[in-house]
Amino acid sequence: MNKEENLFITGIGTGVGKTVVSAVFVQHFQADYWKPIQSGDLDDSDTQKVQQLVDGAGIQFHPERHRLQLAASPHKSAIQENIQIQKQDFNLPVTANRLIIEGAGGLLVPISDDFFMIDLIIDLEAAVVLVVRDYLGCINHSLLSIAFLRQKKIAIAYLVINGTMDVDSERVILKAVDSATQIVRIPEFSELNKTIIQTYKLA
């Protein structure tokens, strides 16, 4: 993998910890951060959360392209505000730094009726960081995500096991990824702050 390749943080579903993983990767690589779409929680956005967790003077936090009020899939939130989101809305921020891009939900979250999160990944030409978390159904969601990325010929640069994972679930999931994919395990943090994020090091 190109050392300076942009990375797109996506997950096998909603609530798997993409924002914490984003903070870990931003801190580790001293990379810039960009969340293209924020749906809901505008007063406590993912960009704000990562800013609060990361310590780095040279890191830029680029503004979201769309900030939507409703905490729902972007296509629904945009309809509520009479906004038409189009694929040409999304251009990479201008920076000389590596970019960590955080998506919303999983690969098939609709941005509009015919434009999905995976289409944005393809357009931005980023390698993927796939975040996996242990819950009932996580094997199915993980294998479907891995298979779909492979079908679309999108490299999984990192597979992140976020939190404690059942050993039998982990074994099946890891058998599905290519040997070039780096496996990262992030523990259940007892609390979240800059010190914790700085202390944790990617293997």
Protein backbone atom coordinates (compact mmCIF):
# COMPACT_ATOMS: atom_id res chain seq x y z
CA MET A 1 0.00 0.00 0.00
CA ASN A 2 1.15 3.51 -0.86
CA LYS A 3 2.26 5.12 2.38
CA GLU A 4 0.44 8.33 1.50
CA GLU A 5 -2.72 6.69 0.18
CA ASN A 6 -5.95 8.23 1.45
CA LEU A 7 -7.99 5.93 3.67
CA PHE A 8 -11.77 5.72 3.84
CA ILE A 9 -13.13 4.54 7.21
CA THR A 10 -16.27 2.47 6.72
CA GLY A 11 -17.97 -0.18 8.79
CA ILE A 12 -20.06 -3.30 8.58
CA GLY A 13 -22.96 -1.25 9.95
CA THR A 14 -23.92 1.72 12.08
CA GLY A 15 -22.50 2.14 15.58
CA VAL A 16 -19.37 0.00 15.13
CA GLY A 17 -16.98 2.77 16.22
CA LYS A 18 -15.84 4.43 13.00
CA THR A 19 -15.26 7.79 14.70
CA VAL A 20 -12.95 6.35 17.38
CA VAL A 21 -11.10 4.39 14.70
CA SER A 22 -10.84 7.58 12.64
CA ALA A 23 -9.25 9.36 15.61
CA VAL A 24 -6.75 6.51 16.08
CA PHE A 25 -5.73 6.62 12.41
CA VAL A 26 -5.57 10.43 12.27
CA GLN A 27 -3.34 10.45 15.35
CA HIS A 28 -1.13 7.60 14.14
CA PHE A 29 -0.53 9.00 10.66
CA GLN A 30 -0.79 12.68 11.67
CA ALA A 31 -3.23 12.83 8.77
CA ASP A 32 -5.98 15.29 7.93
CA TYR A 33 -9.60 14.36 8.62
CA TRP A 34 -12.70 14.78 6.48
CA LYS A 35 -16.28 13.69 7.05
CA PRO A 36 -18.05 14.33 3.72
CA ILE A 37 -21.58 14.07 5.15
CA GLN A 38 -22.83 14.62 8.69
CA SER A 39 -26.44 13.56 9.29
CA GLY A 40 -27.72 14.70 12.68
CA ASP A 41 -25.79 15.65 15.84
CA LEU A 42 -24.61 18.90 14.27
CA ASP A 43 -23.76 20.31 17.73
CA ASP A 44 -21.62 17.27 18.51
CA SER A 45 -20.46 16.15 15.07
CA ASP A 46 -18.00 13.40 14.29
CA THR A 47 -15.52 16.06 13.17
CA GLN A 48 -15.77 17.72 16.59
CA LYS A 49 -15.37 14.37 18.35
CA VAL A 50 -12.20 13.53 16.41
CA GLN A 51 -10.82 17.04 17.06
CA GLN A 52 -11.34 16.50 20.79
CA LEU A 53 -9.52 13.15 20.71
CA VAL A 54 -6.54 14.03 18.52
CA ASP A 55 -3.42 15.95 19.45
CA GLY A 56 -1.58 17.25 16.41
CA ALA A 57 -0.67 20.80 15.49
CA GLY A 58 -0.33 20.10 11.77
CA ILE A 59 -3.64 18.26 11.38
CA GLN A 60 -6.43 19.93 9.43
CA PHE A 61 -10.10 19.13 9.92
CA HIS A 62 -11.83 19.85 6.66
CA PRO A 63 -15.47 21.02 6.69
CA GLU A 64 -18.23 18.63 5.75
CA ARG A 65 -19.68 19.02 2.27
CA HIS A 66 -23.18 18.41 3.61
CA ARG A 67 -24.43 19.03 7.15
CA LEU A 68 -27.93 17.62 7.55
CA GLN A 69 -30.24 18.03 10.52
CA LEU A 70 -31.97 14.65 10.65
CA ALA A 71 -30.11 11.68 12.16
CA ALA A 72 -30.90 9.28 9.33
CA SER A 73 -29.40 8.04 6.08
CA PRO A 74 -28.21 11.01 4.01
CA HIS A 75 -30.79 10.47 1.26
CA LYS A 76 -33.64 10.73 3.78
CA SER A 77 -32.10 13.66 5.66
CA ALA A 78 -31.58 15.55 2.40
CA ILE A 79 -35.21 15.01 1.36
CA GLN A 80 -36.36 16.51 4.67
CA GLU A 81 -34.39 19.69 3.89
CA ASN A 82 -35.22 19.76 0.17
CA ILE A 83 -31.56 19.26 -0.73
CA GLN A 84 -30.40 17.32 -3.76
CA ILE A 85 -27.11 15.58 -3.10
CA GLN A 86 -25.18 14.77 -6.27
CA LYS A 87 -21.98 12.80 -6.78
CA GLN A 88 -20.24 15.87 -8.24
CA ASP A 89 -20.67 17.58 -4.86
CA PHE A 90 -17.72 15.67 -3.47
CA ASN A 91 -14.20 16.79 -4.28
CA LEU A 92 -11.24 15.87 -2.10
CA PRO A 93 -10.10 18.73 0.12
CA VAL A 94 -6.92 20.41 -1.06
CA THR A 95 -4.10 19.27 1.20
CA ALA A 96 -0.54 18.03 0.93
CA ASN A 97 -1.24 15.69 3.83
CA ARG A 98 -2.67 12.21 3.87
CA LEU A 99 -6.45 12.18 4.36
CA ILE A 100 -8.58 10.04 6.62
CA ILE A 101 -12.15 10.10 5.31
CA GLU A 102 -15.00 8.91 7.54
CA GLY A 103 -18.14 7.59 5.91
CA ALA A 104 -21.65 7.31 7.29
CA GLY A 105 -22.91 3.85 8.21
CA GLY A 106 -21.97 0.98 5.93
CA LEU A 107 -21.20 0.50 2.26
CA LEU A 108 -24.76 0.59 0.97
CA VAL A 109 -26.00 3.58 2.91
CA PRO A 110 -27.78 5.71 0.28
CA ILE A 111 -26.47 9.22 -0.25
CA SER A 112 -29.21 9.71 -2.84
CA ASP A 113 -31.61 7.23 -4.41
CA ASP A 114 -28.96 6.04 -6.87
CA PHE A 115 -25.67 7.04 -5.21
CA PHE A 116 -24.35 4.99 -2.31
CA MET A 117 -21.45 5.19 0.14
CA ILE A 118 -19.45 2.64 -1.87
CA ASP A 119 -19.83 4.84 -4.95
CA LEU A 120 -18.28 7.70 -3.01
CA ILE A 121 -15.35 5.45 -2.03
CA ILE A 122 -14.80 4.60 -5.67
CA ASP A 123 -15.03 8.23 -6.79
CA LEU A 124 -12.54 9.37 -4.14
CA GLU A 125 -10.13 6.54 -5.07
CA ALA A 126 -9.39 5.73 -1.44
CA ALA A 127 -8.35 2.43 0.11
CA VAL A 128 -10.70 1.10 2.75
CA VAL A 129 -10.42 0.66 6.49
CA LEU A 130 -13.24 -1.75 7.36
CA VAL A 131 -14.37 -1.56 10.99
CA VAL A 132 -15.84 -4.72 12.52
CA ARG A 133 -17.48 -5.01 15.92
CA ASP A 134 -18.85 -8.07 17.71
CA TYR A 135 -22.64 -8.40 17.76
CA LEU A 136 -25.19 -10.97 16.69
CA GLY A 137 -25.07 -10.89 12.91
CA CYS A 138 -21.58 -9.40 12.62
CA ILE A 139 -20.22 -12.40 10.71
CA ASN A 140 -22.85 -12.05 8.01
CA HIS A 141 -22.41 -8.27 7.79
CA SER A 142 -18.61 -8.61 7.69
CA LEU A 143 -18.52 -11.28 4.99
CA LEU A 144 -21.04 -9.42 2.85
CA SER A 145 -19.00 -6.22 3.15
CA ILE A 146 -15.73 -7.99 2.32
CA ALA A 147 -17.29 -9.80 -0.65
CA PHE A 148 -18.83 -6.60 -2.01
CA LEU A 149 -15.57 -4.67 -1.75
CA ARG A 150 -13.77 -7.50 -3.52
CA GLN A 151 -16.43 -7.52 -6.25
CA LYS A 152 -15.90 -3.78 -6.74
CA LYS A 153 -12.10 -4.30 -6.75
CA ILE A 154 -11.61 -1.99 -3.77
CA ALA A 155 -8.60 -2.78 -1.60
CA ILE A 156 -9.15 -3.33 2.11
CA ALA A 157 -5.98 -1.79 3.47
CA TYR A 158 -6.92 -2.46 7.10
CA LEU A 159 -9.53 -4.57 8.83
CA VAL A 160 -10.10 -3.19 12.31
CA ILE A 161 -11.53 -5.40 15.03
CA ASN A 162 -12.96 -2.78 17.36
CA GLY A 163 -13.40 -4.11 20.88
CA THR A 164 -13.53 -7.68 22.14
CA MET A 165 -14.41 -10.18 19.42
CA ASP A 166 -15.62 -13.75 19.88
CA VAL A 167 -12.76 -16.01 18.77
CA ASP A 168 -14.94 -18.16 16.51
CA SER A 169 -16.45 -15.11 14.82
CA GLU A 170 -13.02 -13.56 14.35
CA ARG A 171 -11.58 -16.72 12.81
CA VAL A 172 -14.28 -16.88 10.13
CA ILE A 173 -14.05 -13.16 9.33
CA LEU A 174 -10.26 -13.13 9.04
CA LYS A 175 -10.28 -16.11 6.68
CA ALA A 176 -12.26 -13.98 4.23
CA VAL A 177 -9.74 -11.16 3.82
CA ASP A 178 -6.73 -11.09 1.52
CA SER A 179 -3.24 -11.62 2.91
CA ALA A 180 -2.31 -8.01 2.06
CA THR A 181 -4.94 -6.65 4.45
CA GLN A 182 -3.45 -5.51 7.74
CA ILE A 183 -5.36 -6.60 10.83
CA VAL A 184 -5.69 -4.05 13.62
CA ARG A 185 -7.19 -4.75 17.03
CA ILE A 186 -8.41 -1.81 19.08
CA PRO A 187 -9.35 -2.63 22.67
CA GLU A 188 -12.40 -1.50 24.59
CA PHE A 189 -11.15 1.82 25.94
CA SER A 190 -12.30 2.49 29.52
CA GLU A 191 -12.52 6.16 28.60
CA LEU A 192 -11.84 8.33 25.59
CA ASN A 193 -9.48 11.28 25.65
CA LYS A 194 -6.36 12.54 23.89
CA THR A 195 -4.01 10.63 26.17
CA ILE A 196 -5.74 7.32 25.47
CA ILE A 197 -5.72 7.88 21.71
CA GLN A 198 -2.07 9.02 21.75
CA THR A 199 -1.02 6.04 23.86
CA TYR A 200 -2.59 3.46 21.56
CA LYS A 201 -0.28 2.53 18.68
CA LEU A 202 -1.19 0.70 15.51
CA ALA A 203 0.76 -2.55 15.24
